[in-house]
Amino acid sequence: MACRMTLARQVGAMGRTEEALALAEELVEVGTRVHGADSGIVFGGRFEIAVWTRWGGNPRRAVELWQELAADKVAIGDGEIADTLDNIEAALEEIGDPRRDADAVAWLDGLVERAFQEEALNGWGAMTLFTNLAWWVGGRMDGAGDHERAREIAEWALEVGRSVFGAGDAHVLAGEVILAHQLGRLGDPEAAVRRCARVAEDAARIYGETHLLTGFARSVLRRWSPQGSAG
């Protein structure tokens, strides 16, 4: 079945999105029958369905599919949803509809609340949910948002994350960048620059210059540097 997923990705990369979508749907159908709906291969197939739905020209439906996938994974205690949330964010940027952004924030807020009420997640999964919630509540990079609440969420997540994982953990460092961005949005670009510069240096030393975290820290650093576009 892993071969089918690889084939779907290769076919999709060649621009044959309908064929890739059909292969992913077949994978989910067979995988559900053989391994069960909560198996990793089925979750992977569902992710691919959303991917090729988006690239087939329907990002709104793709967002819905990724949201359903994330909710189902959290319900069984699977916290590996960072890629799903990242893809939802990318699709929302493509859609460019503030109403959909607001709906997505409310959805993620509800997912976090349910996860903790039901004690469905801990550790990495919880940190992923909270850092993403802070980022989305704050309007992501440049959108409108509740920056004060985002700052509070990020500070709480960092406090917990440092005590559980340590200051150099990638999730914790990502939370530092998110907090820095909210400080900038709240009128303190100097604090944002100081925090991001430190995180960028730590991320490059621990994870390398080409790591996504390093790039994220440097992008927010540029956003709030004097030569950037803050204002």
Protein backbone atom coordinates (compact mmCIF):
# COMPACT_ATOMS: atom_id res chain seq x y z
CA MET A 1 0.00 0.00 0.00
CA ALA A 2 2.92 2.31 0.61
CA CYS A 3 3.76 1.80 -3.07
CA ARG A 4 0.31 3.07 -4.03
CA MET A 5 0.85 6.21 -1.99
CA THR A 6 4.23 6.77 -3.63
CA LEU A 7 2.65 6.27 -7.04
CA ALA A 8 -0.09 8.77 -6.25
CA ARG A 9 2.51 11.36 -5.28
CA GLN A 10 4.57 10.74 -8.41
CA VAL A 11 1.53 10.92 -10.68
CA GLY A 12 0.35 14.10 -8.97
CA ALA A 13 3.80 15.68 -9.30
CA MET A 14 3.49 15.10 -13.05
CA GLY A 15 0.34 17.23 -13.08
CA ARG A 16 -2.13 14.35 -13.30
CA THR A 17 -4.08 15.43 -10.23
CA GLU A 18 -7.29 13.54 -11.02
CA GLU A 19 -5.38 10.30 -11.36
CA ALA A 20 -3.47 10.99 -8.14
CA LEU A 21 -6.74 11.69 -6.34
CA ALA A 22 -8.27 8.45 -7.61
CA LEU A 23 -5.23 6.46 -6.45
CA ALA A 24 -5.40 8.05 -2.99
CA GLU A 25 -9.12 7.33 -2.71
CA GLU A 26 -8.50 3.71 -3.69
CA LEU A 27 -5.75 3.48 -1.08
CA VAL A 28 -8.10 4.72 1.65
CA GLU A 29 -10.85 2.32 0.60
CA VAL A 30 -8.56 -0.72 0.58
CA GLY A 31 -6.63 0.37 3.65
CA THR A 32 -9.81 0.85 5.68
CA ARG A 33 -10.99 -2.61 4.75
CA VAL A 34 -7.68 -4.30 5.51
CA HIS A 35 -6.19 -2.28 8.37
CA GLY A 36 -9.05 -0.23 9.81
CA ALA A 37 -10.04 3.42 9.61
CA ASP A 38 -7.57 4.55 12.28
CA SER A 39 -4.49 2.98 10.68
CA GLY A 40 -1.53 5.07 9.64
CA ILE A 41 -1.85 4.07 6.00
CA VAL A 42 -5.46 5.29 5.92
CA PHE A 43 -4.57 8.57 7.59
CA GLY A 44 -1.77 8.99 5.06
CA GLY A 45 -4.16 8.29 2.20
CA ARG A 46 -6.66 10.80 3.53
CA PHE A 47 -3.90 13.39 3.69
CA GLU A 48 -3.09 12.72 0.03
CA ILE A 49 -6.76 13.05 -0.93
CA ALA A 50 -6.77 16.53 0.57
CA VAL A 51 -3.51 17.41 -1.18
CA TRP A 52 -4.77 16.46 -4.64
CA THR A 53 -8.17 18.00 -3.94
CA ARG A 54 -6.39 21.30 -3.31
CA TRP A 55 -4.17 21.06 -6.36
CA GLY A 56 -7.15 19.94 -8.41
CA GLY A 57 -8.61 23.40 -7.86
CA ASN A 58 -10.72 23.05 -4.72
CA PRO A 59 -8.75 24.43 -1.73
CA ARG A 60 -11.94 25.01 0.27
CA ARG A 61 -12.84 21.33 0.18
CA ALA A 62 -9.21 20.47 0.93
CA VAL A 63 -9.37 22.54 4.12
CA GLU A 64 -12.48 20.61 5.19
CA LEU A 65 -10.76 17.28 4.51
CA TRP A 66 -7.65 18.26 6.47
CA GLN A 67 -9.80 19.50 9.36
CA GLU A 68 -11.66 16.18 9.47
CA LEU A 69 -8.34 14.32 9.40
CA ALA A 70 -6.83 16.39 12.22
CA ALA A 71 -9.92 15.97 14.39
CA ASP A 72 -9.94 12.19 13.86
CA LYS A 73 -6.24 11.90 14.67
CA VAL A 74 -6.57 13.96 17.85
CA ALA A 75 -9.58 11.88 18.91
CA ILE A 76 -7.39 8.75 19.08
CA GLY A 77 -4.46 10.58 20.70
CA ASP A 78 -2.36 10.96 17.55
CA GLY A 79 -0.59 14.31 17.85
CA GLU A 80 1.22 14.14 14.50
CA ILE A 81 -0.86 16.87 12.89
CA ALA A 82 1.68 19.62 12.24
CA ASP A 83 1.81 18.92 8.49
CA THR A 84 -1.98 18.92 8.34
CA LEU A 85 -2.21 22.29 10.08
CA ASP A 86 0.53 23.72 7.86
CA ASN A 87 -1.38 22.65 4.76
CA ILE A 88 -4.61 24.14 6.09
CA GLU A 89 -2.74 27.41 6.61
CA ALA A 90 -1.34 27.32 3.06
CA ALA A 91 -4.78 26.62 1.59
CA LEU A 92 -6.30 29.46 3.59
CA GLU A 93 -3.65 31.81 2.23
CA GLU A 94 -4.60 30.65 -1.26
CA ILE A 95 -8.32 31.19 -0.61
CA GLY A 96 -7.73 34.64 0.87
CA ASP A 97 -11.12 34.91 2.57
CA PRO A 98 -11.10 36.50 6.07
CA ARG A 99 -14.35 34.70 6.91
CA ARG A 100 -12.73 31.33 6.23
CA ASP A 101 -9.75 32.40 8.33
CA ALA A 102 -12.07 33.22 11.24
CA ASP A 103 -13.87 29.90 10.84
CA ALA A 104 -10.54 28.06 10.86
CA VAL A 105 -9.42 29.80 14.05
CA ALA A 106 -12.71 28.90 15.74
CA TRP A 107 -12.31 25.29 14.54
CA LEU A 108 -8.77 24.99 15.91
CA ASP A 109 -9.84 26.64 19.17
CA GLY A 110 -12.59 24.05 19.53
CA LEU A 111 -10.21 21.20 18.66
CA VAL A 112 -7.79 22.30 21.37
CA GLU A 113 -10.61 22.56 23.91
CA ARG A 114 -11.94 19.10 23.07
CA ALA A 115 -8.49 17.56 23.15
CA PHE A 116 -7.86 18.79 26.67
CA GLN A 117 -11.34 18.12 28.00
CA GLU A 118 -11.04 14.53 26.83
CA GLU A 119 -7.33 14.32 27.74
CA ALA A 120 -6.76 13.09 24.20
CA LEU A 121 -3.29 14.56 23.81
CA ASN A 122 -0.20 15.31 25.81
CA GLY A 123 3.40 16.12 25.08
CA TRP A 124 4.27 16.84 21.46
CA GLY A 125 0.68 16.87 20.25
CA ALA A 126 -0.43 19.36 22.87
CA MET A 127 2.50 21.64 22.12
CA THR A 128 1.70 21.49 18.41
CA LEU A 129 -1.92 22.46 19.04
CA PHE A 130 -1.08 25.36 21.34
CA THR A 131 1.67 26.89 19.21
CA ASN A 132 -0.50 26.69 16.10
CA LEU A 133 -3.46 28.15 17.98
CA ALA A 134 -1.34 31.11 19.08
CA TRP A 135 -0.15 31.64 15.50
CA TRP A 136 -3.66 31.46 14.04
CA VAL A 137 -5.33 33.55 16.75
CA GLY A 138 -2.71 36.22 16.09
CA GLY A 139 -3.57 36.31 12.38
CA ARG A 140 -0.56 34.25 11.25
CA MET A 141 2.06 36.48 9.58
CA ASP A 142 0.12 39.59 8.61
CA GLY A 143 -3.60 38.97 9.03
CA ALA A 144 -5.92 40.57 11.54
CA GLY A 145 -6.02 38.79 14.88
CA ASP A 146 -6.24 38.95 18.64
CA HIS A 147 -2.58 39.54 19.38
CA GLU A 148 -2.98 39.88 23.14
CA ARG A 149 -4.70 36.51 23.42
CA ALA A 150 -2.16 34.99 21.04
CA ARG A 151 0.64 36.29 23.28
CA GLU A 152 -0.99 34.74 26.34
CA ILE A 153 -1.40 31.36 24.61
CA ALA A 154 2.19 31.40 23.37
CA GLU A 155 3.57 32.31 26.80
CA TRP A 156 1.62 29.50 28.46
CA ALA A 157 2.72 26.97 25.85
CA LEU A 158 6.34 28.03 26.24
CA GLU A 159 6.22 27.72 30.01
CA VAL A 160 4.93 24.17 29.73
CA GLY A 161 7.16 23.30 26.78
CA ARG A 162 10.38 24.42 28.44
CA SER A 163 9.63 22.40 31.55
CA VAL A 164 8.76 19.24 29.60
CA PHE A 165 11.04 19.32 26.54
CA GLY A 166 13.75 21.87 27.30
CA ALA A 167 14.54 25.25 25.80
CA GLY A 168 16.24 23.84 22.68
CA ASP A 169 13.34 21.69 21.51
CA ALA A 170 12.06 22.56 18.02
CA HIS A 171 8.46 22.95 19.21
CA VAL A 172 9.59 25.29 21.98
CA LEU A 173 11.74 27.38 19.65
CA ALA A 174 8.84 27.66 17.21
CA GLY A 175 6.73 28.91 20.10
CA GLU A 176 9.40 31.51 20.85
CA VAL A 177 9.12 32.82 17.29
CA ILE A 178 5.33 32.97 17.51
CA LEU A 179 5.55 34.87 20.78
CA ALA A 180 8.08 37.25 19.24
CA HIS A 181 5.73 37.98 16.36
CA GLN A 182 2.88 38.79 18.74
CA LEU A 183 5.15 41.17 20.66
CA GLY A 184 5.87 42.92 17.39
CA ARG A 185 2.19 43.11 16.53
CA LEU A 186 1.56 44.57 19.99
CA GLY A 187 4.00 47.43 19.36
CA ASP A 188 7.36 46.14 20.57
CA PRO A 189 9.38 45.33 17.44
CA GLU A 190 12.66 45.60 19.33
CA ALA A 191 11.66 42.72 21.62
CA ALA A 192 10.52 40.74 18.59
CA VAL A 193 13.88 41.24 16.88
CA ARG A 194 15.88 40.28 19.97
CA ARG A 195 13.89 37.11 20.55
CA CYS A 196 13.90 36.05 16.89
CA ALA A 197 17.61 36.72 16.48
CA ARG A 198 18.33 34.46 19.46
CA VAL A 199 16.04 31.73 18.19
CA ALA A 200 17.47 31.89 14.66
CA GLU A 201 20.97 31.48 16.07
CA ASP A 202 19.93 28.56 18.30
CA ALA A 203 17.96 26.87 15.54
CA ALA A 204 20.83 27.14 13.06
CA ARG A 205 23.26 25.73 15.62
CA ILE A 206 21.03 22.84 16.72
CA TYR A 207 19.12 21.97 13.54
CA GLY A 208 21.10 23.61 10.72
CA GLU A 209 20.73 26.62 8.45
CA THR A 210 18.40 24.83 6.05
CA HIS A 211 15.92 23.64 8.70
CA LEU A 212 12.36 24.98 8.39
CA LEU A 213 12.52 26.34 11.94
CA THR A 214 15.62 28.39 11.12
CA GLY A 215 13.88 29.78 8.05
CA PHE A 216 10.75 30.59 10.05
CA ALA A 217 12.76 32.45 12.69
CA ARG A 218 14.64 34.42 10.06
CA SER A 219 11.44 35.35 8.18
CA VAL A 220 9.85 36.78 11.33
CA LEU A 221 13.16 38.46 12.20
CA ARG A 222 13.11 40.21 8.81
CA ARG A 223 9.47 41.17 9.37
CA TRP A 224 10.34 43.14 12.49
CA SER A 225 13.83 44.39 11.67
CA PRO A 226 14.16 48.15 11.01
CA GLN A 227 14.49 47.52 7.28
CA GLY A 228 11.44 45.27 7.28
CA SER A 229 7.82 46.15 6.62
CA ALA A 230 6.61 46.44 10.21
CA GLY A 231 4.31 49.25 10.91
